Amino acid sequence: IRCESDDNWTSFIIRLPLDPKKTRLT
């Protein structure tokens, strides 16, 4: 998860695997 923010939008962006048992994101 990360956060981005500018004058227009503040966004919390999450990247998840479709199946946590098979994939680990870094």
PDB file of all heavy atoms in Angstrom:
ATOM      1  N   ILE A   1       0.849  -1.189   0.000  1.00  0.00           N
ATOM      2  CA  ILE A   1       0.000   0.000   0.000  1.00  0.00           C
ATOM      3  C   ILE A   1       0.882   1.236   0.000  1.00  0.00           C
ATOM      4  O   ILE A   1       1.950   1.245   0.603  1.00  0.00           O
ATOM      5  CB  ILE A   1      -0.949   0.011   1.228  1.00  0.00           C
ATOM      6  CG1 ILE A   1      -1.882   1.240   1.166  1.00  0.00           C
ATOM      7  CG2 ILE A   1      -0.178  -0.027   2.529  1.00  0.00           C
ATOM      8  CD1 ILE A   1      -2.960   1.245   2.224  1.00  0.00           C
ATOM      9  N   ARG A   2       0.437   2.261  -0.708  1.00  0.00           N
ATOM     10  CA  ARG A   2       1.152   3.532  -0.721  1.00  0.00           C
ATOM     11  C   ARG A   2       0.135   4.663  -0.790  1.00  0.00           C
ATOM     12  O   ARG A   2      -1.045   4.428  -1.089  1.00  0.00           O
ATOM     13  CB  ARG A   2       2.119   3.608  -1.888  1.00  0.00           C
ATOM     14  CG  ARG A   2       1.474   3.756  -3.251  1.00  0.00           C
ATOM     15  CD  ARG A   2       2.522   3.788  -4.363  1.00  0.00           C
ATOM     16  NE  ARG A   2       1.965   4.203  -5.643  1.00  0.00           N
ATOM     17  CZ  ARG A   2       1.380   3.409  -6.501  1.00  0.00           C
ATOM     18  NH1 ARG A   2       1.256   2.106  -6.222  1.00  0.00           N
ATOM     19  NH2 ARG A   2       0.896   3.873  -7.651  1.00  0.00           N
ATOM     20  N   CYS A   3       0.602   5.876  -0.552  1.00  0.00           N
ATOM     21  CA  CYS A   3      -0.287   7.042  -0.587  1.00  0.00           C
ATOM     22  C   CYS A   3       0.314   8.097  -1.504  1.00  0.00           C
ATOM     23  O   CYS A   3       1.521   8.371  -1.447  1.00  0.00           O
ATOM     24  CB  CYS A   3      -0.473   7.598   0.816  1.00  0.00           C
ATOM     25  SG  CYS A   3      -1.582   9.034   0.879  1.00  0.00           S
ATOM     26  N   GLU A   4      -0.530   8.672  -2.352  1.00  0.00           N
ATOM     27  CA  GLU A   4      -0.149   9.780  -3.226  1.00  0.00           C
ATOM     28  C   GLU A   4      -1.115  10.934  -2.990  1.00  0.00           C
ATOM     29  O   GLU A   4      -2.306  10.709  -2.777  1.00  0.00           O
ATOM     30  CB  GLU A   4      -0.174   9.359  -4.700  1.00  0.00           C
ATOM     31  CG  GLU A   4       0.813   8.252  -5.043  1.00  0.00           C
ATOM     32  CD  GLU A   4       0.694   7.809  -6.498  1.00  0.00           C
ATOM     33  OE1 GLU A   4      -0.217   8.319  -7.187  1.00  0.00           O
ATOM     34  OE2 GLU A   4       1.495   6.958  -6.932  1.00  0.00           O
ATOM     35  N   SER A   5      -0.599  12.158  -3.040  1.00  0.00           N
ATOM     36  CA  SER A   5      -1.476  13.302  -2.775  1.00  0.00           C
ATOM     37  C   SER A   5      -1.000  14.514  -3.566  1.00  0.00           C
ATOM     38  O   SER A   5       0.199  14.819  -3.606  1.00  0.00           O
ATOM     39  CB  SER A   5      -1.478  13.630  -1.273  1.00  0.00           C
ATOM     40  OG  SER A   5      -2.418  14.638  -0.983  1.00  0.00           O
ATOM     41  N   ASP A   6      -1.951  15.175  -4.226  1.00  0.00           N
ATOM     42  CA  ASP A   6      -1.659  16.446  -4.900  1.00  0.00           C
ATOM     43  C   ASP A   6      -2.809  17.406  -4.625  1.00  0.00           C
ATOM     44  O   ASP A   6      -3.655  17.148  -3.752  1.00  0.00           O
ATOM     45  CB  ASP A   6      -1.435  16.237  -6.402  1.00  0.00           C
ATOM     46  CG  ASP A   6      -2.602  15.523  -7.085  1.00  0.00           C
ATOM     47  OD1 ASP A   6      -3.754  15.709  -6.625  1.00  0.00           O
ATOM     48  OD2 ASP A   6      -2.378  14.792  -8.075  1.00  0.00           O
ATOM     49  N   ASP A   7      -2.853  18.489  -5.361  1.00  0.00           N
ATOM     50  CA  ASP A   7      -3.879  19.508  -5.101  1.00  0.00           C
ATOM     51  C   ASP A   7      -5.278  19.047  -5.480  1.00  0.00           C
ATOM     52  O   ASP A   7      -6.273  19.649  -5.060  1.00  0.00           O
ATOM     53  CB  ASP A   7      -3.539  20.796  -5.868  1.00  0.00           C
ATOM     54  CG  ASP A   7      -2.276  21.454  -5.342  1.00  0.00           C
ATOM     55  OD1 ASP A   7      -1.982  21.265  -4.146  1.00  0.00           O
ATOM     56  OD2 ASP A   7      -1.584  22.131  -6.124  1.00  0.00           O
ATOM     57  N   ASN A   8      -5.375  17.985  -6.279  1.00  0.00           N
ATOM     58  CA  ASN A   8      -6.682  17.520  -6.738  1.00  0.00           C
ATOM     59  C   ASN A   8      -7.184  16.299  -5.967  1.00  0.00           C
ATOM     60  O   ASN A   8      -8.343  16.272  -5.544  1.00  0.00           O
ATOM     61  CB  ASN A   8      -6.617  17.189  -8.238  1.00  0.00           C
ATOM     62  CG  ASN A   8      -6.289  18.404  -9.080  1.00  0.00           C
ATOM     63  OD1 ASN A   8      -6.819  19.492  -8.858  1.00  0.00           O
ATOM     64  ND2 ASN A   8      -5.399  18.229 -10.051  1.00  0.00           N
ATOM     65  N   TRP A   9      -6.305  15.296  -5.784  1.00  0.00           N
ATOM     66  CA  TRP A   9      -6.744  14.052  -5.170  1.00  0.00           C
ATOM     67  C   TRP A   9      -5.704  13.529  -4.177  1.00  0.00           C
ATOM     68  O   TRP A   9      -4.502  13.694  -4.376  1.00  0.00           O
ATOM     69  CB  TRP A   9      -6.993  12.970  -6.235  1.00  0.00           C
ATOM     70  CG  TRP A   9      -8.161  13.275  -7.127  1.00  0.00           C
ATOM     71  CD1 TRP A   9      -8.130  13.893  -8.337  1.00  0.00           C
ATOM     72  CD2 TRP A   9      -9.537  12.984  -6.852  1.00  0.00           C
ATOM     73  NE1 TRP A   9      -9.396  14.015  -8.843  1.00  0.00           N
ATOM     74  CE2 TRP A   9     -10.286  13.458  -7.958  1.00  0.00           C
ATOM     75  CE3 TRP A   9     -10.213  12.374  -5.795  1.00  0.00           C
ATOM     76  CZ2 TRP A   9     -11.667  13.342  -8.031  1.00  0.00           C
ATOM     77  CZ3 TRP A   9     -11.587  12.247  -5.870  1.00  0.00           C
ATOM     78  CH2 TRP A   9     -12.302  12.733  -6.980  1.00  0.00           C
ATOM     79  N   THR A  10      -6.215  12.899  -3.134  1.00  0.00           N
ATOM     80  CA  THR A  10      -5.391  12.107  -2.227  1.00  0.00           C
ATOM     81  C   THR A  10      -5.800  10.658  -2.414  1.00  0.00           C
ATOM     82  O   THR A  10      -6.976  10.315  -2.240  1.00  0.00           O
ATOM     83  CB  THR A  10      -5.586  12.525  -0.760  1.00  0.00           C
ATOM     84  OG1 THR A  10      -5.081  13.860  -0.576  1.00  0.00           O
ATOM     85  CG2 THR A  10      -4.845  11.575   0.173  1.00  0.00           C
ATOM     86  N   SER A  11      -4.843   9.821  -2.804  1.00  0.00           N
ATOM     87  CA  SER A  11      -5.166   8.435  -3.173  1.00  0.00           C
ATOM     88  C   SER A  11      -4.372   7.456  -2.324  1.00  0.00           C
ATOM     89  O   SER A  11      -3.143   7.564  -2.209  1.00  0.00           O
ATOM     90  CB  SER A  11      -4.836   8.196  -4.657  1.00  0.00           C
ATOM     91  OG  SER A  11      -5.514   9.121  -5.476  1.00  0.00           O
ATOM     92  N   PHE A  12      -5.087   6.509  -1.740  1.00  0.00           N
ATOM     93  CA  PHE A  12      -4.464   5.354  -1.100  1.00  0.00           C
ATOM     94  C   PHE A  12      -4.582   4.199  -2.089  1.00  0.00           C
ATOM     95  O   PHE A  12      -5.696   3.796  -2.453  1.00  0.00           O
ATOM     96  CB  PHE A  12      -5.150   5.021   0.218  1.00  0.00           C
ATOM     97  CG  PHE A  12      -4.809   5.982   1.321  1.00  0.00           C
ATOM     98  CD1 PHE A  12      -5.570   7.129   1.509  1.00  0.00           C
ATOM     99  CD2 PHE A  12      -3.727   5.750   2.148  1.00  0.00           C
ATOM    100  CE1 PHE A  12      -5.258   8.022   2.513  1.00  0.00           C
ATOM    101  CE2 PHE A  12      -3.409   6.639   3.162  1.00  0.00           C
ATOM    102  CZ  PHE A  12      -4.169   7.784   3.348  1.00  0.00           C
ATOM    103  N   ILE A  13      -3.431   3.696  -2.532  1.00  0.00           N
ATOM    104  CA  ILE A  13      -3.386   2.710  -3.611  1.00  0.00           C
ATOM    105  C   ILE A  13      -2.886   1.382  -3.055  1.00  0.00           C
ATOM    106  O   ILE A  13      -1.791   1.303  -2.488  1.00  0.00           O
ATOM    107  CB  ILE A  13      -2.461   3.192  -4.748  1.00  0.00           C
ATOM    108  CG1 ILE A  13      -2.931   4.575  -5.223  1.00  0.00           C
ATOM    109  CG2 ILE A  13      -2.441   2.187  -5.888  1.00  0.00           C
ATOM    110  CD1 ILE A  13      -1.929   5.286  -6.090  1.00  0.00           C
ATOM    111  N   ILE A  14      -3.701   0.355  -3.216  1.00  0.00           N
ATOM    112  CA  ILE A  14      -3.379  -0.975  -2.692  1.00  0.00           C
ATOM    113  C   ILE A  14      -3.192  -1.937  -3.853  1.00  0.00           C
ATOM    114  O   ILE A  14      -4.029  -1.993  -4.764  1.00  0.00           O
ATOM    115  CB  ILE A  14      -4.506  -1.485  -1.771  1.00  0.00           C
ATOM    116  CG1 ILE A  14      -4.740  -0.506  -0.615  1.00  0.00           C
ATOM    117  CG2 ILE A  14      -4.191  -2.883  -1.250  1.00  0.00           C
ATOM    118  CD1 ILE A  14      -5.994  -0.798   0.182  1.00  0.00           C
ATOM    119  N   ARG A  15      -2.108  -2.685  -3.826  1.00  0.00           N
ATOM    120  CA  ARG A  15      -1.889  -3.765  -4.791  1.00  0.00           C
ATOM    121  C   ARG A  15      -2.005  -5.094  -4.046  1.00  0.00           C
ATOM    122  O   ARG A  15      -1.277  -5.338  -3.093  1.00  0.00           O
ATOM    123  CB  ARG A  15      -0.494  -3.660  -5.420  1.00  0.00           C
ATOM    124  CG  ARG A  15      -0.358  -2.600  -6.505  1.00  0.00           C
ATOM    125  CD  ARG A  15      -1.018  -3.045  -7.794  1.00  0.00           C
ATOM    126  NE  ARG A  15      -0.741  -2.131  -8.898  1.00  0.00           N
ATOM    127  CZ  ARG A  15       0.106  -2.380  -9.886  1.00  0.00           C
ATOM    128  NH1 ARG A  15       0.756  -3.528  -9.924  1.00  0.00           N
ATOM    129  NH2 ARG A  15       0.283  -1.521 -10.857  1.00  0.00           N
ATOM    130  N   LEU A  16      -2.924  -5.936  -4.501  1.00  0.00           N
ATOM    131  CA  LEU A  16      -3.127  -7.241  -3.877  1.00  0.00           C
ATOM    132  C   LEU A  16      -3.019  -8.342  -4.929  1.00  0.00           C
ATOM    133  O   LEU A  16      -3.416  -8.144  -6.079  1.00  0.00           O
ATOM    134  CB  LEU A  16      -4.513  -7.320  -3.225  1.00  0.00           C
ATOM    135  CG  LEU A  16      -4.794  -6.456  -2.004  1.00  0.00           C
ATOM    136  CD1 LEU A  16      -6.227  -6.682  -1.536  1.00  0.00           C
ATOM    137  CD2 LEU A  16      -3.823  -6.742  -0.883  1.00  0.00           C
ATOM    138  N   PRO A  17      -2.499  -9.490  -4.538  1.00  0.00           N
ATOM    139  CA  PRO A  17      -2.542 -10.640  -5.460  1.00  0.00           C
ATOM    140  C   PRO A  17      -3.957 -11.193  -5.527  1.00  0.00           C
ATOM    141  O   PRO A  17      -4.715 -11.120  -4.542  1.00  0.00           O
ATOM    142  CB  PRO A  17      -1.577 -11.634  -4.813  1.00  0.00           C
ATOM    143  CG  PRO A  17      -1.591 -11.290  -3.363  1.00  0.00           C
ATOM    144  CD  PRO A  17      -1.802  -9.820  -3.282  1.00  0.00           C
ATOM    145  N   LEU A  18      -4.326 -11.747  -6.652  1.00  0.00           N
ATOM    146  CA  LEU A  18      -5.637 -12.354  -6.778  1.00  0.00           C
ATOM    147  C   LEU A  18      -5.776 -13.533  -5.811  1.00  0.00           C
ATOM    148  O   LEU A  18      -6.860 -13.798  -5.290  1.00  0.00           O
ATOM    149  CB  LEU A  18      -5.880 -12.829  -8.214  1.00  0.00           C
ATOM    150  CG  LEU A  18      -6.022 -11.721  -9.271  1.00  0.00           C
ATOM    151  CD1 LEU A  18      -6.200 -12.330 -10.648  1.00  0.00           C
ATOM    152  CD2 LEU A  18      -7.200 -10.821  -8.931  1.00  0.00           C
ATOM    153  N   ASP A  19      -4.658 -14.196  -5.545  1.00  0.00           N
ATOM    154  CA  ASP A  19      -4.640 -15.294  -4.589  1.00  0.00           C
ATOM    155  C   ASP A  19      -3.373 -15.182  -3.747  1.00  0.00           C
ATOM    156  O   ASP A  19      -2.285 -15.488  -4.246  1.00  0.00           O
ATOM    157  CB  ASP A  19      -4.687 -16.640  -5.301  1.00  0.00           C
ATOM    158  CG  ASP A  19      -4.889 -17.799  -4.334  1.00  0.00           C
ATOM    159  OD1 ASP A  19      -4.780 -17.593  -3.112  1.00  0.00           O
ATOM    160  OD2 ASP A  19      -5.167 -18.922  -4.804  1.00  0.00           O
ATOM    161  N   PRO A  20      -3.490 -14.753  -2.474  1.00  0.00           N
ATOM    162  CA  PRO A  20      -2.292 -14.574  -1.631  1.00  0.00           C
ATOM    163  C   PRO A  20      -1.485 -15.853  -1.430  1.00  0.00           C
ATOM    164  O   PRO A  20      -0.302 -15.802  -1.135  1.00  0.00           O
ATOM    165  CB  PRO A  20      -2.883 -14.087  -0.291  1.00  0.00           C
ATOM    166  CG  PRO A  20      -4.198 -13.503  -0.652  1.00  0.00           C
ATOM    167  CD  PRO A  20      -4.704 -14.313  -1.803  1.00  0.00           C
ATOM    168  N   LYS A  21      -2.131 -17.011  -1.594  1.00  0.00           N
ATOM    169  CA  LYS A  21      -1.420 -18.278  -1.402  1.00  0.00           C
ATOM    170  C   LYS A  21      -0.412 -18.546  -2.534  1.00  0.00           C
ATOM    171  O   LYS A  21       0.535 -19.291  -2.353  1.00  0.00           O
ATOM    172  CB  LYS A  21      -2.413 -19.439  -1.327  1.00  0.00           C
ATOM    173  CG  LYS A  21      -3.288 -19.414  -0.090  1.00  0.00           C
ATOM    174  CD  LYS A  21      -4.238 -20.612  -0.080  1.00  0.00           C
ATOM    175  CE  LYS A  21      -5.112 -20.621   1.173  1.00  0.00           C
ATOM    176  NZ  LYS A  21      -6.037 -21.765   1.155  1.00  0.00           N
ATOM    177  N   LYS A  22      -0.642 -17.901  -3.699  1.00  0.00           N
ATOM    178  CA  LYS A  22       0.192 -18.197  -4.860  1.00  0.00           C
ATOM    179  C   LYS A  22       1.174 -17.062  -5.173  1.00  0.00           C
ATOM    180  O   LYS A  22       2.179 -17.291  -5.826  1.00  0.00           O
ATOM    181  CB  LYS A  22      -0.694 -18.422  -6.088  1.00  0.00           C
ATOM    182  CG  LYS A  22      -1.621 -19.638  -5.947  1.00  0.00           C
ATOM    183  CD  LYS A  22      -2.455 -19.794  -7.208  1.00  0.00           C
ATOM    184  CE  LYS A  22      -3.394 -20.992  -7.089  1.00  0.00           C
ATOM    185  NZ  LYS A  22      -4.250 -21.137  -8.300  1.00  0.00           N
ATOM    186  N   THR A  23       0.865 -15.853  -4.749  1.00  0.00           N
ATOM    187  CA  THR A  23       1.674 -14.692  -5.141  1.00  0.00           C
ATOM    188  C   THR A  23       1.978 -13.821  -3.931  1.00  0.00           C
ATOM    189  O   THR A  23       1.136 -13.637  -3.065  1.00  0.00           O
ATOM    190  CB  THR A  23       0.927 -13.847  -6.192  1.00  0.00           C
ATOM    191  OG1 THR A  23       0.452 -14.694  -7.225  1.00  0.00           O
ATOM    192  CG2 THR A  23       1.871 -12.796  -6.774  1.00  0.00           C
ATOM    193  N   ARG A  24       3.184 -13.283  -3.892  1.00  0.00           N
ATOM    194  CA  ARG A  24       3.581 -12.303  -2.873  1.00  0.00           C
ATOM    195  C   ARG A  24       4.147 -11.094  -3.592  1.00  0.00           C
ATOM    196  O   ARG A  24       5.130 -11.186  -4.324  1.00  0.00           O
ATOM    197  CB  ARG A  24       4.642 -12.878  -1.936  1.00  0.00           C
ATOM    198  CG  ARG A  24       5.105 -11.883  -0.859  1.00  0.00           C
ATOM    199  CD  ARG A  24       6.207 -12.484  -0.023  1.00  0.00           C
ATOM    200  NE  ARG A  24       5.725 -13.546   0.805  1.00  0.00           N
ATOM    201  CZ  ARG A  24       5.231 -13.403   2.032  1.00  0.00           C
ATOM    202  NH1 ARG A  24       5.136 -12.186   2.551  1.00  0.00           N
ATOM    203  NH2 ARG A  24       4.829 -14.419   2.732  1.00  0.00           N
ATOM    204  N   LEU A  25       3.526  -9.923  -3.382  1.00  0.00           N
ATOM    205  CA  LEU A  25       3.973  -8.685  -4.027  1.00  0.00           C
ATOM    206  C   LEU A  25       5.012  -8.020  -3.163  1.00  0.00           C
ATOM    207  O   LEU A  25       4.985  -8.098  -1.931  1.00  0.00           O
ATOM    208  CB  LEU A  25       2.800  -7.735  -4.254  1.00  0.00           C
ATOM    209  CG  LEU A  25       1.611  -8.300  -5.038  1.00  0.00           C
ATOM    210  CD1 LEU A  25       0.590  -7.202  -5.271  1.00  0.00           C
ATOM    211  CD2 LEU A  25       2.058  -8.877  -6.359  1.00  0.00           C
ATOM    212  N   THR A  26       5.946  -7.322  -3.818  1.00  0.00           N
ATOM    213  CA  THR A  26       6.991  -6.584  -3.095  1.00  0.00           C
ATOM    214  C   THR A  26       7.108  -5.184  -3.648  1.00  0.00           C
ATOM    215  O   THR A  26       6.691  -4.913  -4.750  1.00  0.00           O
ATOM    216  CB  THR A  26       8.350  -7.303  -3.231  1.00  0.00           C
ATOM    217  OG1 THR A  26       8.664  -7.428  -4.624  1.00  0.00           O
ATOM    218  CG2 THR A  26       8.307  -8.652  -2.589  1.00  0.00           C
TER     219      THR A  26
END
